[in-house]
Amino acid sequence: MTRTLVSARRKSESVDRYSWVWVLPLPDGRFRVAAIEVPKQLVDNDKCFFEEDIYTPYLKIVDTVDRIDEAVREAGVNPADLDAPWHNNFPL
């Protein structure tokens, strides 16, 4: 895994939101694995959105690269689907 953010689309809990899982390397060597959901209207209309607009149904900090795949599966996606954010329209 590179030391940059990767993400994958996931099925949203609501028809009104898009959802992604993203993995972010942290400065201390750990990794943040989160599933987020963003209202479709904000993404579709290319509107700015803020933390209060984002629903986070899953969040886990893992200590090692070896634990990322398990956390990504728990968040709802196949780890093989992780890719650079521009390949799955990750909006952040």
PDB file of N, CA and C in Angstrom:
ATOM      1  N   MET A   1       0.849  -1.186   0.000  1.00  0.00           N
ATOM      2  CA  MET A   1       0.000   0.000   0.000  1.00  0.00           C
ATOM      3  C   MET A   1       0.884   1.235   0.000  1.00  0.00           C
ATOM      4  N   THR A   2       0.497   2.196  -0.784  1.00  0.00           N
ATOM      5  CA  THR A   2       1.248   3.442  -0.817  1.00  0.00           C
ATOM      6  C   THR A   2       0.945   4.262   0.424  1.00  0.00           C
ATOM      7  N   ARG A   3       1.632   5.330   0.576  1.00  0.00           N
ATOM      8  CA  ARG A   3       1.415   6.212   1.725  1.00  0.00           C
ATOM      9  C   ARG A   3       0.467   7.354   1.369  1.00  0.00           C
ATOM     10  N   THR A   4      -0.442   7.089   0.435  1.00  0.00           N
ATOM     11  CA  THR A   4      -1.428   8.091   0.051  1.00  0.00           C
ATOM     12  C   THR A   4      -2.830   7.536   0.258  1.00  0.00           C
ATOM     13  N   LEU A   5      -3.797   8.421   0.231  1.00  0.00           N
ATOM     14  CA  LEU A   5      -5.194   8.057   0.407  1.00  0.00           C
ATOM     15  C   LEU A   5      -5.660   7.160  -0.733  1.00  0.00           C
ATOM     16  N   VAL A   6      -6.412   6.121  -0.395  1.00  0.00           N
ATOM     17  CA  VAL A   6      -7.094   5.286  -1.385  1.00  0.00           C
ATOM     18  C   VAL A   6      -8.552   5.172  -0.969  1.00  0.00           C
ATOM     19  N   SER A   7      -9.409   4.891  -1.955  1.00  0.00           N
ATOM     20  CA  SER A   7     -10.844   4.826  -1.656  1.00  0.00           C
ATOM     21  C   SER A   7     -11.537   3.853  -2.605  1.00  0.00           C
ATOM     22  N   ALA A   8     -12.788   3.527  -2.263  1.00  0.00           N
ATOM     23  CA  ALA A   8     -13.627   2.663  -3.093  1.00  0.00           C
ATOM     24  C   ALA A   8     -15.083   3.042  -2.858  1.00  0.00           C
ATOM     25  N   ARG A   9     -15.897   2.925  -3.897  1.00  0.00           N
ATOM     26  CA  ARG A   9     -17.332   3.166  -3.741  1.00  0.00           C
ATOM     27  C   ARG A   9     -17.935   2.030  -2.927  1.00  0.00           C
ATOM     28  N   ARG A  10     -18.981   2.360  -2.185  1.00  0.00           N
ATOM     29  CA  ARG A  10     -19.726   1.339  -1.442  1.00  0.00           C
ATOM     30  C   ARG A  10     -21.205   1.650  -1.564  1.00  0.00           C
ATOM     31  N   LYS A  11     -22.025   0.670  -1.239  1.00  0.00           N
ATOM     32  CA  LYS A  11     -23.473   0.874  -1.255  1.00  0.00           C
ATOM     33  C   LYS A  11     -23.849   1.748  -0.063  1.00  0.00           C
ATOM     34  N   SER A  12     -24.612   2.771  -0.328  1.00  0.00           N
ATOM     35  CA  SER A  12     -25.044   3.700   0.718  1.00  0.00           C
ATOM     36  C   SER A  12     -26.216   3.128   1.498  1.00  0.00           C
ATOM     37  N   GLU A  13     -26.352   3.569   2.729  1.00  0.00           N
ATOM     38  CA  GLU A  13     -27.496   3.182   3.554  1.00  0.00           C
ATOM     39  C   GLU A  13     -28.762   3.933   3.145  1.00  0.00           C
ATOM     40  N   SER A  14     -28.615   4.976   2.300  1.00  0.00           N
ATOM     41  CA  SER A  14     -29.741   5.798   1.874  1.00  0.00           C
ATOM     42  C   SER A  14     -29.667   6.043   0.369  1.00  0.00           C
ATOM     43  N   VAL A  15     -30.800   6.043  -0.286  1.00  0.00           N
ATOM     44  CA  VAL A  15     -30.826   6.319  -1.727  1.00  0.00           C
ATOM     45  C   VAL A  15     -30.471   7.774  -2.033  1.00  0.00           C
ATOM     46  N   ASP A  16     -30.486   8.628  -1.034  1.00  0.00           N
ATOM     47  CA  ASP A  16     -30.197  10.050  -1.212  1.00  0.00           C
ATOM     48  C   ASP A  16     -28.724  10.402  -1.006  1.00  0.00           C
ATOM     49  N   ARG A  17     -27.883   9.393  -0.767  1.00  0.00           N
ATOM     50  CA  ARG A  17     -26.465   9.652  -0.502  1.00  0.00           C
ATOM     51  C   ARG A  17     -25.568   8.744  -1.332  1.00  0.00           C
ATOM     52  N   TYR A  18     -24.386   9.246  -1.643  1.00  0.00           N
ATOM     53  CA  TYR A  18     -23.318   8.431  -2.204  1.00  0.00           C
ATOM     54  C   TYR A  18     -22.419   8.014  -1.053  1.00  0.00           C
ATOM     55  N   SER A  19     -21.731   6.892  -1.238  1.00  0.00           N
ATOM     56  CA  SER A  19     -20.887   6.416  -0.148  1.00  0.00           C
ATOM     57  C   SER A  19     -19.559   5.863  -0.679  1.00  0.00           C
ATOM     58  N   TRP A  20     -18.536   6.043   0.129  1.00  0.00           N
ATOM     59  CA  TRP A  20     -17.199   5.546  -0.154  1.00  0.00           C
ATOM     60  C   TRP A  20     -16.571   5.014   1.132  1.00  0.00           C
ATOM     61  N   VAL A  21     -15.619   4.124   0.957  1.00  0.00           N
ATOM     62  CA  VAL A  21     -14.706   3.763   2.032  1.00  0.00           C
ATOM     63  C   VAL A  21     -13.373   4.359   1.643  1.00  0.00           C
ATOM     64  N   TRP A  22     -12.709   4.960   2.608  1.00  0.00           N
ATOM     65  CA  TRP A  22     -11.388   5.503   2.310  1.00  0.00           C
ATOM     66  C   TRP A  22     -10.406   5.112   3.386  1.00  0.00           C
ATOM     67  N   VAL A  23      -9.172   4.973   2.978  1.00  0.00           N
ATOM     68  CA  VAL A  23      -8.077   4.618   3.877  1.00  0.00           C
ATOM     69  C   VAL A  23      -7.070   5.753   3.804  1.00  0.00           C
ATOM     70  N   LEU A  24      -6.798   6.337   4.954  1.00  0.00           N
ATOM     71  CA  LEU A  24      -5.892   7.478   5.030  1.00  0.00           C
ATOM     72  C   LEU A  24      -4.726   7.144   5.950  1.00  0.00           C
ATOM     73  N   PRO A  25      -3.500   7.167   5.423  1.00  0.00           N
ATOM     74  CA  PRO A  25      -2.338   6.976   6.296  1.00  0.00           C
ATOM     75  C   PRO A  25      -2.215   8.163   7.252  1.00  0.00           C
ATOM     76  N   LEU A  26      -1.980   7.891   8.510  1.00  0.00           N
ATOM     77  CA  LEU A  26      -1.832   8.936   9.517  1.00  0.00           C
ATOM     78  C   LEU A  26      -0.349   9.205   9.775  1.00  0.00           C
ATOM     79  N   PRO A  27      -0.016  10.404  10.243  1.00  0.00           N
ATOM     80  CA  PRO A  27       1.389  10.751  10.472  1.00  0.00           C
ATOM     81  C   PRO A  27       2.122   9.820  11.442  1.00  0.00           C
ATOM     82  N   ASP A  28       1.382   9.194  12.344  1.00  0.00           N
ATOM     83  CA  ASP A  28       2.022   8.328  13.346  1.00  0.00           C
ATOM     84  C   ASP A  28       2.217   6.885  12.864  1.00  0.00           C
ATOM     85  N   GLY A  29       1.902   6.604  11.589  1.00  0.00           N
ATOM     86  CA  GLY A  29       2.093   5.279  11.036  1.00  0.00           C
ATOM     87  C   GLY A  29       0.846   4.405  11.050  1.00  0.00           C
ATOM     88  N   ARG A  30      -0.195   4.843  11.726  1.00  0.00           N
ATOM     89  CA  ARG A  30      -1.456   4.107  11.729  1.00  0.00           C
ATOM     90  C   ARG A  30      -2.276   4.503  10.496  1.00  0.00           C
ATOM     91  N   PHE A  31      -3.458   3.888  10.347  1.00  0.00           N
ATOM     92  CA  PHE A  31      -4.320   4.151   9.205  1.00  0.00           C
ATOM     93  C   PHE A  31      -5.750   4.372   9.665  1.00  0.00           C
ATOM     94  N   ARG A  32      -6.397   5.361   9.101  1.00  0.00           N
ATOM     95  CA  ARG A  32      -7.810   5.636   9.366  1.00  0.00           C
ATOM     96  C   ARG A  32      -8.605   4.985   8.245  1.00  0.00           C
ATOM     97  N   VAL A  33      -9.530   4.111   8.610  1.00  0.00           N
ATOM     98  CA  VAL A  33     -10.430   3.463   7.651  1.00  0.00           C
ATOM     99  C   VAL A  33     -11.834   3.953   7.985  1.00  0.00           C
ATOM    100  N   ALA A  34     -12.478   4.585   7.021  1.00  0.00           N
ATOM    101  CA  ALA A  34     -13.803   5.143   7.286  1.00  0.00           C
ATOM    102  C   ALA A  34     -14.730   4.929   6.104  1.00  0.00           C
ATOM    103  N   ALA A  35     -15.988   4.690   6.416  1.00  0.00           N
ATOM    104  CA  ALA A  35     -17.050   4.721   5.414  1.00  0.00           C
ATOM    105  C   ALA A  35     -17.760   6.046   5.615  1.00  0.00           C
ATOM    106  N   ILE A  36     -17.919   6.781   4.528  1.00  0.00           N
ATOM    107  CA  ILE A  36     -18.636   8.054   4.620  1.00  0.00           C
ATOM    108  C   ILE A  36     -19.774   8.066   3.614  1.00  0.00           C
ATOM    109  N   GLU A  37     -20.769   8.885   3.923  1.00  0.00           N
ATOM    110  CA  GLU A  37     -21.889   9.095   3.021  1.00  0.00           C
ATOM    111  C   GLU A  37     -22.136  10.594   2.902  1.00  0.00           C
ATOM    112  N   VAL A  38     -22.331  11.031   1.652  1.00  0.00           N
ATOM    113  CA  VAL A  38     -22.503  12.450   1.347  1.00  0.00           C
ATOM    114  C   VAL A  38     -23.794  12.607   0.547  1.00  0.00           C
ATOM    115  N   PRO A  39     -24.609  13.613   0.870  1.00  0.00           N
ATOM    116  CA  PRO A  39     -25.837  13.805   0.095  1.00  0.00           C
ATOM    117  C   PRO A  39     -25.553  13.931  -1.408  1.00  0.00           C
ATOM    118  N   LYS A  40     -26.323  13.191  -2.202  1.00  0.00           N
ATOM    119  CA  LYS A  40     -26.136  13.205  -3.656  1.00  0.00           C
ATOM    120  C   LYS A  40     -26.235  14.607  -4.235  1.00  0.00           C
ATOM    121  N   GLN A  41     -27.173  15.404  -3.730  1.00  0.00           N
ATOM    122  CA  GLN A  41     -27.373  16.742  -4.294  1.00  0.00           C
ATOM    123  C   GLN A  41     -26.114  17.602  -4.171  1.00  0.00           C
ATOM    124  N   LEU A  42     -25.352  17.425  -3.105  1.00  0.00           N
ATOM    125  CA  LEU A  42     -24.122  18.205  -2.947  1.00  0.00           C
ATOM    126  C   LEU A  42     -23.057  17.760  -3.947  1.00  0.00           C
ATOM    127  N   VAL A  43     -22.927  16.452  -4.110  1.00  0.00           N
ATOM    128  CA  VAL A  43     -21.928  15.923  -5.040  1.00  0.00           C
ATOM    129  C   VAL A  43     -22.339  16.217  -6.481  1.00  0.00           C
ATOM    130  N   ASP A  44     -23.580  15.923  -6.830  1.00  0.00           N
ATOM    131  CA  ASP A  44     -24.049  16.111  -8.206  1.00  0.00           C
ATOM    132  C   ASP A  44     -23.989  17.561  -8.658  1.00  0.00           C
ATOM    133  N   ASN A  45     -24.214  18.485  -7.737  1.00  0.00           N
ATOM    134  CA  ASN A  45     -24.201  19.906  -8.083  1.00  0.00           C
ATOM    135  C   ASN A  45     -22.860  20.572  -7.804  1.00  0.00           C
ATOM    136  N   ASP A  46     -21.856  19.738  -7.494  1.00  0.00           N
ATOM    137  CA  ASP A  46     -20.498  20.224  -7.243  1.00  0.00           C
ATOM    138  C   ASP A  46     -20.480  21.340  -6.189  1.00  0.00           C
ATOM    139  N   LYS A  47     -21.272  21.136  -5.140  1.00  0.00           N
ATOM    140  CA  LYS A  47     -21.360  22.102  -4.044  1.00  0.00           C
ATOM    141  C   LYS A  47     -20.315  21.781  -2.982  1.00  0.00           C
ATOM    142  N   CYS A  48     -19.858  22.809  -2.316  1.00  0.00           N
ATOM    143  CA  CYS A  48     -18.964  22.604  -1.179  1.00  0.00           C
ATOM    144  C   CYS A  48     -19.766  21.964  -0.050  1.00  0.00           C
ATOM    145  N   PHE A  49     -19.139  21.075   0.656  1.00  0.00           N
ATOM    146  CA  PHE A  49     -19.793  20.505   1.827  1.00  0.00           C
ATOM    147  C   PHE A  49     -18.773  20.398   2.946  1.00  0.00           C
ATOM    148  N   PHE A  50     -19.289  20.248   4.141  1.00  0.00           N
ATOM    149  CA  PHE A  50     -18.468  20.317   5.336  1.00  0.00           C
ATOM    150  C   PHE A  50     -18.693  19.078   6.192  1.00  0.00           C
ATOM    151  N   GLU A  51     -17.932  18.970   7.255  1.00  0.00           N
ATOM    152  CA  GLU A  51     -18.019  17.796   8.118  1.00  0.00           C
ATOM    153  C   GLU A  51     -19.435  17.491   8.580  1.00  0.00           C
ATOM    154  N   GLU A  52     -20.206  18.521   8.879  1.00  0.00           N
ATOM    155  CA  GLU A  52     -21.570  18.278   9.364  1.00  0.00           C
ATOM    156  C   GLU A  52     -22.483  17.716   8.272  1.00  0.00           C
ATOM    157  N   ASP A  53     -22.070  17.789   6.999  1.00  0.00           N
ATOM    158  CA  ASP A  53     -22.841  17.216   5.901  1.00  0.00           C
ATOM    159  C   ASP A  53     -22.527  15.740   5.677  1.00  0.00           C
ATOM    160  N   ILE A  54     -21.459  15.242   6.283  1.00  0.00           N
ATOM    161  CA  ILE A  54     -20.975  13.889   6.052  1.00  0.00           C
ATOM    162  C   ILE A  54     -21.452  12.963   7.175  1.00  0.00           C
ATOM    163  N   TYR A  55     -22.052  11.859   6.769  1.00  0.00           N
ATOM    164  CA  TYR A  55     -22.449  10.811   7.707  1.00  0.00           C
ATOM    165  C   TYR A  55     -21.351   9.751   7.664  1.00  0.00           C
ATOM    166  N   THR A  56     -20.880   9.318   8.828  1.00  0.00           N
ATOM    167  CA  THR A  56     -19.808   8.329   8.912  1.00  0.00           C
ATOM    168  C   THR A  56     -20.321   7.084   9.642  1.00  0.00           C
ATOM    169  N   PRO A  57     -20.826   6.091   8.879  1.00  0.00           N
ATOM    170  CA  PRO A  57     -21.356   4.892   9.531  1.00  0.00           C
ATOM    171  C   PRO A  57     -20.277   3.933  10.030  1.00  0.00           C
ATOM    172  N   TYR A  58     -19.026   4.138   9.619  1.00  0.00           N
ATOM    173  CA  TYR A  58     -17.954   3.249  10.065  1.00  0.00           C
ATOM    174  C   TYR A  58     -16.661   4.048  10.172  1.00  0.00           C
ATOM    175  N   LEU A  59     -15.948   3.852  11.273  1.00  0.00           N
ATOM    176  CA  LEU A  59     -14.649   4.496  11.474  1.00  0.00           C
ATOM    177  C   LEU A  59     -13.802   3.604  12.363  1.00  0.00           C
ATOM    178  N   LYS A  60     -12.594   3.323  11.887  1.00  0.00           N
ATOM    179  CA  LYS A  60     -11.681   2.504  12.671  1.00  0.00           C
ATOM    180  C   LYS A  60     -10.256   2.966  12.385  1.00  0.00           C
ATOM    181  N   ILE A  61      -9.452   3.044  13.418  1.00  0.00           N
ATOM    182  CA  ILE A  61      -8.029   3.322  13.283  1.00  0.00           C
ATOM    183  C   ILE A  61      -7.312   1.993  13.473  1.00  0.00           C
ATOM    184  N   VAL A  62      -6.489   1.613  12.494  1.00  0.00           N
ATOM    185  CA  VAL A  62      -5.748   0.362  12.596  1.00  0.00           C
ATOM    186  C   VAL A  62      -4.259   0.669  12.710  1.00  0.00           C
ATOM    187  N   ASP A  63      -3.560  -0.216  13.407  1.00  0.00           N
ATOM    188  CA  ASP A  63      -2.148   0.018  13.710  1.00  0.00           C
ATOM    189  C   ASP A  63      -1.193  -0.350  12.595  1.00  0.00           C
ATOM    190  N   THR A  64      -1.574  -1.317  11.761  1.00  0.00           N
ATOM    191  CA  THR A  64      -0.645  -1.797  10.738  1.00  0.00           C
ATOM    192  C   THR A  64      -1.355  -2.008   9.409  1.00  0.00           C
ATOM    193  N   VAL A  65      -0.571  -2.063   8.349  1.00  0.00           N
ATOM    194  CA  VAL A  65      -1.103  -2.328   7.012  1.00  0.00           C
ATOM    195  C   VAL A  65      -1.828  -3.668   6.985  1.00  0.00           C
ATOM    196  N   ASP A  66      -1.336  -4.624   7.749  1.00  0.00           N
ATOM    197  CA  ASP A  66      -1.938  -5.962   7.775  1.00  0.00           C
ATOM    198  C   ASP A  66      -3.395  -5.957   8.227  1.00  0.00           C
ATOM    199  N   ARG A  67      -3.799  -4.942   8.943  1.00  0.00           N
ATOM    200  CA  ARG A  67      -5.163  -4.892   9.478  1.00  0.00           C
ATOM    201  C   ARG A  67      -6.126  -4.092   8.595  1.00  0.00           C
ATOM    202  N   ILE A  68      -5.612  -3.484   7.552  1.00  0.00           N
ATOM    203  CA  ILE A  68      -6.459  -2.648   6.693  1.00  0.00           C
ATOM    204  C   ILE A  68      -7.533  -3.465   5.988  1.00  0.00           C
ATOM    205  N   ASP A  69      -7.168  -4.587   5.382  1.00  0.00           N
ATOM    206  CA  ASP A  69      -8.142  -5.372   4.619  1.00  0.00           C
ATOM    207  C   ASP A  69      -9.350  -5.762   5.460  1.00  0.00           C
ATOM    208  N   GLU A  70      -9.115  -6.215   6.677  1.00  0.00           N
ATOM    209  CA  GLU A  70     -10.221  -6.602   7.556  1.00  0.00           C
ATOM    210  C   GLU A  70     -11.142  -5.413   7.837  1.00  0.00           C
ATOM    211  N   ALA A  71     -10.551  -4.260   8.130  1.00  0.00           N
ATOM    212  CA  ALA A  71     -11.356  -3.064   8.413  1.00  0.00           C
ATOM    213  C   ALA A  71     -12.133  -2.615   7.182  1.00  0.00           C
ATOM    214  N   VAL A  72     -11.522  -2.698   6.015  1.00  0.00           N
ATOM    215  CA  VAL A  72     -12.203  -2.307   4.777  1.00  0.00           C
ATOM    216  C   VAL A  72     -13.397  -3.235   4.520  1.00  0.00           C
ATOM    217  N   ARG A  73     -13.223  -4.517   4.751  1.00  0.00           N
ATOM    218  CA  ARG A  73     -14.349  -5.454   4.607  1.00  0.00           C
ATOM    219  C   ARG A  73     -15.465  -5.126   5.597  1.00  0.00           C
ATOM    220  N   GLU A  74     -15.084  -4.827   6.851  1.00  0.00           N
ATOM    221  CA  GLU A  74     -16.081  -4.449   7.861  1.00  0.00           C
ATOM    222  C   GLU A  74     -16.849  -3.199   7.420  1.00  0.00           C
ATOM    223  N   ALA A  75     -16.176  -2.307   6.720  1.00  0.00           N
ATOM    224  CA  ALA A  75     -16.799  -1.060   6.263  1.00  0.00           C
ATOM    225  C   ALA A  75     -17.704  -1.270   5.054  1.00  0.00           C
ATOM    226  N   GLY A  76     -17.580  -2.441   4.413  1.00  0.00           N
ATOM    227  CA  GLY A  76     -18.526  -2.758   3.348  1.00  0.00           C
ATOM    228  C   GLY A  76     -17.993  -2.847   1.937  1.00  0.00           C
ATOM    229  N   VAL A  77     -16.687  -2.925   1.748  1.00  0.00           N
ATOM    230  CA  VAL A  77     -16.159  -3.074   0.390  1.00  0.00           C
ATOM    231  C   VAL A  77     -15.059  -4.124   0.342  1.00  0.00           C
ATOM    232  N   ASN A  78     -14.784  -4.569  -0.858  1.00  0.00           N
ATOM    233  CA  ASN A  78     -13.708  -5.514  -1.098  1.00  0.00           C
ATOM    234  C   ASN A  78     -12.396  -4.722  -1.141  1.00  0.00           C
ATOM    235  N   PRO A  79     -11.390  -5.105  -0.377  1.00  0.00           N
ATOM    236  CA  PRO A  79     -10.117  -4.374  -0.391  1.00  0.00           C
ATOM    237  C   PRO A  79      -9.493  -4.276  -1.786  1.00  0.00           C
ATOM    238  N   ALA A  80      -9.783  -5.229  -2.662  1.00  0.00           N
ATOM    239  CA  ALA A  80      -9.252  -5.185  -4.028  1.00  0.00           C
ATOM    240  C   ALA A  80      -9.814  -4.009  -4.822  1.00  0.00           C
ATOM    241  N   ASP A  81     -10.925  -3.429  -4.361  1.00  0.00           N
ATOM    242  CA  ASP A  81     -11.537  -2.288  -5.050  1.00  0.00           C
ATOM    243  C   ASP A  81     -10.892  -0.957  -4.686  1.00  0.00           C
ATOM    244  N   LEU A  82     -10.040  -0.931  -3.679  1.00  0.00           N
ATOM    245  CA  LEU A  82      -9.389   0.324  -3.296  1.00  0.00           C
ATOM    246  C   LEU A  82      -8.517   0.825  -4.438  1.00  0.00           C
ATOM    247  N   ASP A  83      -8.596   2.139  -4.678  1.00  0.00           N
ATOM    248  CA  ASP A  83      -7.852   2.733  -5.779  1.00  0.00           C
ATOM    249  C   ASP A  83      -7.640   4.214  -5.479  1.00  0.00           C
ATOM    250  N   ALA A  84      -6.945   4.868  -6.372  1.00  0.00           N
ATOM    251  CA  ALA A  84      -6.764   6.318  -6.244  1.00  0.00           C
ATOM    252  C   ALA A  84      -8.137   6.989  -6.284  1.00  0.00           C
ATOM    253  N   PRO A  85      -8.356   8.029  -5.490  1.00  0.00           N
ATOM    254  CA  PRO A  85      -9.675   8.655  -5.383  1.00  0.00           C
ATOM    255  C   PRO A  85     -10.289   9.110  -6.704  1.00  0.00           C
ATOM    256  N   TRP A  86      -9.492   9.545  -7.651  1.00  0.00           N
ATOM    257  CA  TRP A  86     -10.055  10.029  -8.914  1.00  0.00           C
ATOM    258  C   TRP A  86     -10.623   8.897  -9.768  1.00  0.00           C
ATOM    259  N   HIS A  87     -10.327   7.647  -9.437  1.00  0.00           N
ATOM    260  CA  HIS A  87     -10.881   6.521 -10.184  1.00  0.00           C
ATOM    261  C   HIS A  87     -12.292   6.151  -9.727  1.00  0.00           C
ATOM    262  N   ASN A  88     -12.732   6.648  -8.570  1.00  0.00           N
ATOM    263  CA  ASN A  88     -14.064   6.325  -8.067  1.00  0.00           C
ATOM    264  C   ASN A  88     -14.841   7.569  -7.629  1.00  0.00           C
ATOM    265  N   ASN A  89     -14.391   8.724  -8.128  1.00  0.00           N
ATOM    266  CA  ASN A  89     -15.071  10.005  -7.877  1.00  0.00           C
ATOM    267  C   ASN A  89     -15.189  10.370  -6.408  1.00  0.00           C
ATOM    268  N   PHE A  90     -14.223   9.953  -5.616  1.00  0.00           N
ATOM    269  CA  PHE A  90     -14.216  10.320  -4.194  1.00  0.00           C
ATOM    270  C   PHE A  90     -14.129  11.845  -4.096  1.00  0.00           C
ATOM    271  N   PRO A  91     -15.059  12.493  -3.413  1.00  0.00           N
ATOM    272  CA  PRO A  91     -15.179  13.950  -3.495  1.00  0.00           C
ATOM    273  C   PRO A  91     -14.297  14.772  -2.555  1.00  0.00           C
ATOM    274  N   LEU A  92     -13.479  14.143  -1.749  1.00  0.00           N
ATOM    275  CA  LEU A  92     -12.700  14.940  -0.792  1.00  0.00           C
ATOM    276  C   LEU A  92     -11.270  15.102  -1.213  1.00  0.00           C
TER     277      LEU A  92
END
